[in-house]
Amino acid sequence: MDVFSYVSGLTTVVLALGIARLLVGVGKLMERRSQIQLYWVHLMWVANIFLFLSMQWWILFRWQGWTDWNFFLFVFLLASPTVAFLLCVRLFHDPLTEHTDFK
């Protein structure tokens, strides 16, 4: 296993967790669409964070040829997906009750 595979492994897991959280949240919204109040701004945030996570995964391949890895560079690469995951958690709070209003 080369260094890039090791470094990108955890970053990819965090990105995948964020995307999974978004997809589960959208699934719950679709399931309870008659019981909750949707808001277009919230849906735009969901789309924005999804694109951001996808771009982060795509941009990670830019670092494939990098040879001088250190801990601080690893933390730098991991910080952005971590913040995006926390945004995903914040976008879809649990539980979605009948009176949930995303406005």
N, C-alpha and C. Protein backbone atom coordinates (compact mmCIF):
# COMPACT_ATOMS: atom_id res chain seq x y z
N MET A 1 0.85 -1.18 0.00
CA MET A 1 0.00 0.00 0.00
C MET A 1 0.89 1.23 0.00
N ASP A 2 0.67 2.11 -0.97
CA ASP A 2 1.47 3.33 -1.02
C ASP A 2 0.90 4.38 -0.07
N VAL A 3 1.64 5.45 0.13
CA VAL A 3 1.26 6.47 1.11
C VAL A 3 -0.05 7.15 0.72
N PHE A 4 -0.24 7.42 -0.56
CA PHE A 4 -1.48 8.08 -0.98
C PHE A 4 -2.70 7.22 -0.66
N SER A 5 -2.63 5.94 -0.86
CA SER A 5 -3.76 5.06 -0.54
C SER A 5 -4.07 5.09 0.94
N TYR A 6 -3.03 5.12 1.75
CA TYR A 6 -3.22 5.18 3.19
C TYR A 6 -3.87 6.50 3.61
N VAL A 7 -3.37 7.60 3.08
CA VAL A 7 -3.88 8.93 3.44
C VAL A 7 -5.30 9.12 2.91
N SER A 8 -5.54 8.70 1.69
CA SER A 8 -6.86 8.93 1.10
C SER A 8 -7.92 7.99 1.65
N GLY A 9 -7.51 6.92 2.30
CA GLY A 9 -8.48 5.97 2.84
C GLY A 9 -9.42 6.59 3.85
N LEU A 10 -8.87 7.24 4.88
CA LEU A 10 -9.71 7.84 5.91
C LEU A 10 -10.49 9.03 5.36
N THR A 11 -9.87 9.80 4.50
CA THR A 11 -10.56 10.94 3.90
C THR A 11 -11.76 10.47 3.08
N THR A 12 -11.59 9.40 2.33
CA THR A 12 -12.67 8.86 1.53
C THR A 12 -13.79 8.32 2.40
N VAL A 13 -13.45 7.73 3.53
CA VAL A 13 -14.47 7.23 4.45
C VAL A 13 -15.31 8.38 4.99
N VAL A 14 -14.67 9.47 5.38
CA VAL A 14 -15.40 10.63 5.89
C VAL A 14 -16.29 11.22 4.81
N LEU A 15 -15.77 11.30 3.59
CA LEU A 15 -16.59 11.79 2.48
C LEU A 15 -17.79 10.88 2.23
N ALA A 16 -17.57 9.58 2.27
CA ALA A 16 -18.65 8.63 2.05
C ALA A 16 -19.69 8.71 3.16
N LEU A 17 -19.27 8.92 4.38
CA LEU A 17 -20.22 9.07 5.49
C LEU A 17 -21.08 10.32 5.30
N GLY A 18 -20.48 11.40 4.82
CA GLY A 18 -21.25 12.62 4.56
C GLY A 18 -22.27 12.42 3.46
N ILE A 19 -21.87 11.76 2.38
CA ILE A 19 -22.80 11.51 1.28
C ILE A 19 -23.90 10.57 1.73
N ALA A 20 -23.54 9.56 2.52
CA ALA A 20 -24.56 8.64 3.03
C ALA A 20 -25.55 9.37 3.94
N ARG A 21 -25.06 10.27 4.76
CA ARG A 21 -25.95 11.04 5.65
C ARG A 21 -26.91 11.89 4.83
N LEU A 22 -26.41 12.51 3.76
CA LEU A 22 -27.28 13.30 2.89
C LEU A 22 -28.34 12.43 2.22
N LEU A 23 -27.93 11.29 1.70
CA LEU A 23 -28.88 10.43 1.00
C LEU A 23 -29.94 9.87 1.95
N VAL A 24 -29.55 9.52 3.16
CA VAL A 24 -30.53 9.06 4.15
C VAL A 24 -31.49 10.19 4.49
N GLY A 25 -30.97 11.39 4.64
CA GLY A 25 -31.83 12.54 4.94
C GLY A 25 -32.81 12.84 3.83
N VAL A 26 -32.35 12.79 2.59
CA VAL A 26 -33.24 13.02 1.45
C VAL A 26 -34.30 11.90 1.39
N GLY A 27 -33.88 10.68 1.68
CA GLY A 27 -34.84 9.57 1.72
C GLY A 27 -35.92 9.78 2.77
N LYS A 28 -35.53 10.28 3.94
CA LYS A 28 -36.52 10.56 4.99
C LYS A 28 -37.44 11.70 4.58
N LEU A 29 -36.88 12.70 3.88
CA LEU A 29 -37.73 13.79 3.40
C LEU A 29 -38.77 13.28 2.40
N MET A 30 -38.35 12.40 1.53
CA MET A 30 -39.27 11.85 0.55
C MET A 30 -40.34 10.98 1.23
N GLU A 31 -39.93 10.27 2.25
CA GLU A 31 -40.84 9.40 2.98
C GLU A 31 -41.94 10.19 3.70
N ARG A 32 -41.58 11.32 4.25
CA ARG A 32 -42.51 12.12 5.07
C ARG A 32 -42.85 13.45 4.42
N ARG A 33 -42.85 13.51 3.11
CA ARG A 33 -43.07 14.78 2.42
C ARG A 33 -44.44 15.39 2.71
N SER A 34 -45.42 14.58 3.07
CA SER A 34 -46.75 15.13 3.36
C SER A 34 -46.85 15.63 4.80
N GLN A 35 -45.92 15.25 5.66
CA GLN A 35 -46.00 15.60 7.07
C GLN A 35 -45.11 16.77 7.46
N ILE A 36 -44.13 17.10 6.64
CA ILE A 36 -43.18 18.15 7.01
C ILE A 36 -43.25 19.29 6.00
N GLN A 37 -42.74 20.43 6.40
CA GLN A 37 -42.70 21.61 5.54
C GLN A 37 -41.29 21.73 4.95
N LEU A 38 -41.19 21.54 3.64
CA LEU A 38 -39.91 21.71 2.96
C LEU A 38 -39.66 23.19 2.70
N TYR A 39 -38.40 23.52 2.56
CA TYR A 39 -38.00 24.91 2.29
C TYR A 39 -36.93 24.85 1.21
N TRP A 40 -37.08 25.68 0.20
CA TRP A 40 -36.19 25.61 -0.95
C TRP A 40 -34.74 25.92 -0.58
N VAL A 41 -34.53 26.76 0.40
CA VAL A 41 -33.17 27.09 0.81
C VAL A 41 -32.49 25.85 1.40
N HIS A 42 -33.22 25.10 2.17
CA HIS A 42 -32.68 23.86 2.74
C HIS A 42 -32.31 22.88 1.64
N LEU A 43 -33.17 22.75 0.65
CA LEU A 43 -32.88 21.84 -0.47
C LEU A 43 -31.67 22.31 -1.27
N MET A 44 -31.50 23.60 -1.40
CA MET A 44 -30.31 24.12 -2.09
C MET A 44 -29.04 23.83 -1.28
N TRP A 45 -29.13 23.92 0.04
CA TRP A 45 -27.99 23.57 0.88
C TRP A 45 -27.63 22.10 0.73
N VAL A 46 -28.64 21.25 0.65
CA VAL A 46 -28.40 19.82 0.46
C VAL A 46 -27.66 19.59 -0.86
N ALA A 47 -28.13 20.21 -1.93
CA ALA A 47 -27.48 20.05 -3.23
C ALA A 47 -26.06 20.62 -3.19
N ASN A 48 -25.88 21.75 -2.53
CA ASN A 48 -24.57 22.39 -2.44
C ASN A 48 -23.57 21.51 -1.69
N ILE A 49 -23.98 20.96 -0.58
CA ILE A 49 -23.08 20.12 0.21
C ILE A 49 -22.78 18.82 -0.54
N PHE A 50 -23.76 18.28 -1.26
CA PHE A 50 -23.51 17.08 -2.06
C PHE A 50 -22.46 17.35 -3.13
N LEU A 51 -22.59 18.47 -3.82
CA LEU A 51 -21.59 18.83 -4.83
C LEU A 51 -20.22 19.09 -4.20
N PHE A 52 -20.22 19.71 -3.04
CA PHE A 52 -18.97 19.99 -2.34
C PHE A 52 -18.26 18.69 -1.95
N LEU A 53 -19.01 17.73 -1.42
CA LEU A 53 -18.41 16.45 -1.05
C LEU A 53 -17.89 15.71 -2.29
N SER A 54 -18.65 15.76 -3.36
CA SER A 54 -18.22 15.10 -4.60
C SER A 54 -16.95 15.75 -5.15
N MET A 55 -16.90 17.07 -5.10
CA MET A 55 -15.70 17.77 -5.58
C MET A 55 -14.49 17.47 -4.71
N GLN A 56 -14.69 17.37 -3.41
CA GLN A 56 -13.58 17.05 -2.53
C GLN A 56 -13.00 15.69 -2.85
N TRP A 57 -13.86 14.73 -3.15
CA TRP A 57 -13.38 13.40 -3.51
C TRP A 57 -12.62 13.44 -4.83
N TRP A 58 -13.13 14.21 -5.76
CA TRP A 58 -12.49 14.31 -7.07
C TRP A 58 -11.13 15.03 -6.96
N ILE A 59 -11.08 16.08 -6.18
CA ILE A 59 -9.86 16.86 -6.02
C ILE A 59 -8.79 16.07 -5.26
N LEU A 60 -9.21 15.12 -4.46
CA LEU A 60 -8.25 14.31 -3.71
C LEU A 60 -7.27 13.60 -4.63
N PHE A 61 -7.70 13.25 -5.83
CA PHE A 61 -6.81 12.58 -6.77
C PHE A 61 -5.68 13.48 -7.25
N ARG A 62 -5.83 14.78 -7.09
CA ARG A 62 -4.75 15.71 -7.44
C ARG A 62 -3.50 15.45 -6.62
N TRP A 63 -3.68 14.94 -5.43
CA TRP A 63 -2.58 14.72 -4.51
C TRP A 63 -1.91 13.36 -4.72
N GLN A 64 -2.35 12.63 -5.72
CA GLN A 64 -1.86 11.27 -5.93
C GLN A 64 -0.35 11.21 -6.17
N GLY A 65 0.20 12.17 -6.85
CA GLY A 65 1.63 12.16 -7.14
C GLY A 65 2.49 12.78 -6.06
N TRP A 66 1.89 13.29 -5.03
CA TRP A 66 2.64 13.96 -3.96
C TRP A 66 3.45 12.94 -3.18
N THR A 67 4.69 13.26 -2.89
CA THR A 67 5.56 12.30 -2.21
C THR A 67 5.95 12.71 -0.80
N ASP A 68 5.85 13.99 -0.47
CA ASP A 68 6.30 14.48 0.84
C ASP A 68 5.11 14.58 1.80
N TRP A 69 4.60 13.46 2.23
CA TRP A 69 3.46 13.47 3.14
C TRP A 69 3.93 13.66 4.57
N ASN A 70 3.15 14.45 5.32
CA ASN A 70 3.37 14.57 6.75
C ASN A 70 2.02 14.69 7.45
N PHE A 71 2.05 14.70 8.74
CA PHE A 71 0.80 14.69 9.51
C PHE A 71 -0.02 15.94 9.28
N PHE A 72 0.62 17.08 9.18
CA PHE A 72 -0.12 18.34 9.04
C PHE A 72 -0.81 18.42 7.67
N LEU A 73 -0.20 17.89 6.65
CA LEU A 73 -0.85 17.83 5.34
C LEU A 73 -2.04 16.88 5.38
N PHE A 74 -1.89 15.78 6.08
CA PHE A 74 -2.99 14.84 6.25
C PHE A 74 -4.16 15.49 6.98
N VAL A 75 -3.88 16.22 8.05
CA VAL A 75 -4.94 16.92 8.79
C VAL A 75 -5.59 17.98 7.91
N PHE A 76 -4.79 18.66 7.10
CA PHE A 76 -5.32 19.66 6.18
C PHE A 76 -6.30 19.02 5.20
N LEU A 77 -5.93 17.88 4.65
CA LEU A 77 -6.81 17.20 3.70
C LEU A 77 -8.06 16.62 4.37
N LEU A 78 -7.96 16.26 5.62
CA LEU A 78 -9.08 15.67 6.34
C LEU A 78 -10.03 16.72 6.92
N ALA A 79 -9.57 17.94 7.09
CA ALA A 79 -10.38 18.98 7.74
C ALA A 79 -11.63 19.34 6.92
N SER A 80 -11.48 19.51 5.65
CA SER A 80 -12.60 19.92 4.82
C SER A 80 -13.72 18.87 4.75
N PRO A 81 -13.42 17.59 4.52
CA PRO A 81 -14.50 16.60 4.56
C PRO A 81 -15.14 16.47 5.94
N THR A 82 -14.36 16.69 6.99
CA THR A 82 -14.92 16.62 8.34
C THR A 82 -15.93 17.73 8.57
N VAL A 83 -15.59 18.93 8.16
CA VAL A 83 -16.52 20.05 8.30
C VAL A 83 -17.77 19.82 7.46
N ALA A 84 -17.59 19.29 6.25
CA ALA A 84 -18.74 19.00 5.38
C ALA A 84 -19.62 17.93 6.00
N PHE A 85 -19.03 16.92 6.64
CA PHE A 85 -19.84 15.90 7.31
C PHE A 85 -20.64 16.51 8.45
N LEU A 86 -20.02 17.38 9.22
CA LEU A 86 -20.74 18.03 10.31
C LEU A 86 -21.88 18.90 9.79
N LEU A 87 -21.70 19.51 8.62
CA LEU A 87 -22.79 20.24 8.00
C LEU A 87 -23.93 19.31 7.60
N CYS A 88 -23.58 18.12 7.13
CA CYS A 88 -24.60 17.13 6.77
C CYS A 88 -25.41 16.71 7.99
N VAL A 89 -24.72 16.53 9.10
CA VAL A 89 -25.42 16.18 10.34
C VAL A 89 -26.35 17.31 10.75
N ARG A 90 -25.90 18.52 10.57
CA ARG A 90 -26.70 19.69 10.96
C ARG A 90 -27.91 19.89 10.05
N LEU A 91 -27.79 19.53 8.78
CA LEU A 91 -28.89 19.72 7.84
C LEU A 91 -30.08 18.82 8.14
N PHE A 92 -29.83 17.62 8.61
CA PHE A 92 -30.90 16.66 8.88
C PHE A 92 -30.84 16.24 10.33
N HIS A 93 -31.60 16.93 11.16
CA HIS A 93 -31.60 16.58 12.57
C HIS A 93 -32.57 15.43 12.80
N ASP A 94 -32.36 14.70 13.86
CA ASP A 94 -33.22 13.58 14.23
C ASP A 94 -33.98 13.95 15.48
N PRO A 95 -35.17 13.53 15.64
CA PRO A 95 -36.03 12.86 14.66
C PRO A 95 -36.80 13.88 13.84
N LEU A 96 -37.23 13.48 12.66
CA LEU A 96 -38.10 14.32 11.84
C LEU A 96 -39.53 14.07 12.30
N THR A 97 -40.08 15.02 13.02
CA THR A 97 -41.43 14.87 13.53
C THR A 97 -42.44 15.42 12.53
N GLU A 98 -43.71 15.28 12.85
CA GLU A 98 -44.76 15.75 11.94
C GLU A 98 -44.75 17.26 11.78
N HIS A 99 -44.25 17.96 12.74
CA HIS A 99 -44.29 19.42 12.70
C HIS A 99 -42.93 20.02 12.35
N THR A 100 -42.07 19.26 11.74
CA THR A 100 -40.75 19.76 11.37
C THR A 100 -40.90 20.77 10.22
N ASP A 101 -40.34 21.94 10.45
CA ASP A 101 -40.36 22.99 9.44
C ASP A 101 -38.91 23.38 9.17
N PHE A 102 -38.45 23.18 7.96
CA PHE A 102 -37.07 23.45 7.63
C PHE A 102 -36.78 24.93 7.38
N LYS A 103 -37.79 25.74 7.44
CA LYS A 103 -37.58 27.17 7.29
C LYS A 103 -36.97 27.72 8.56
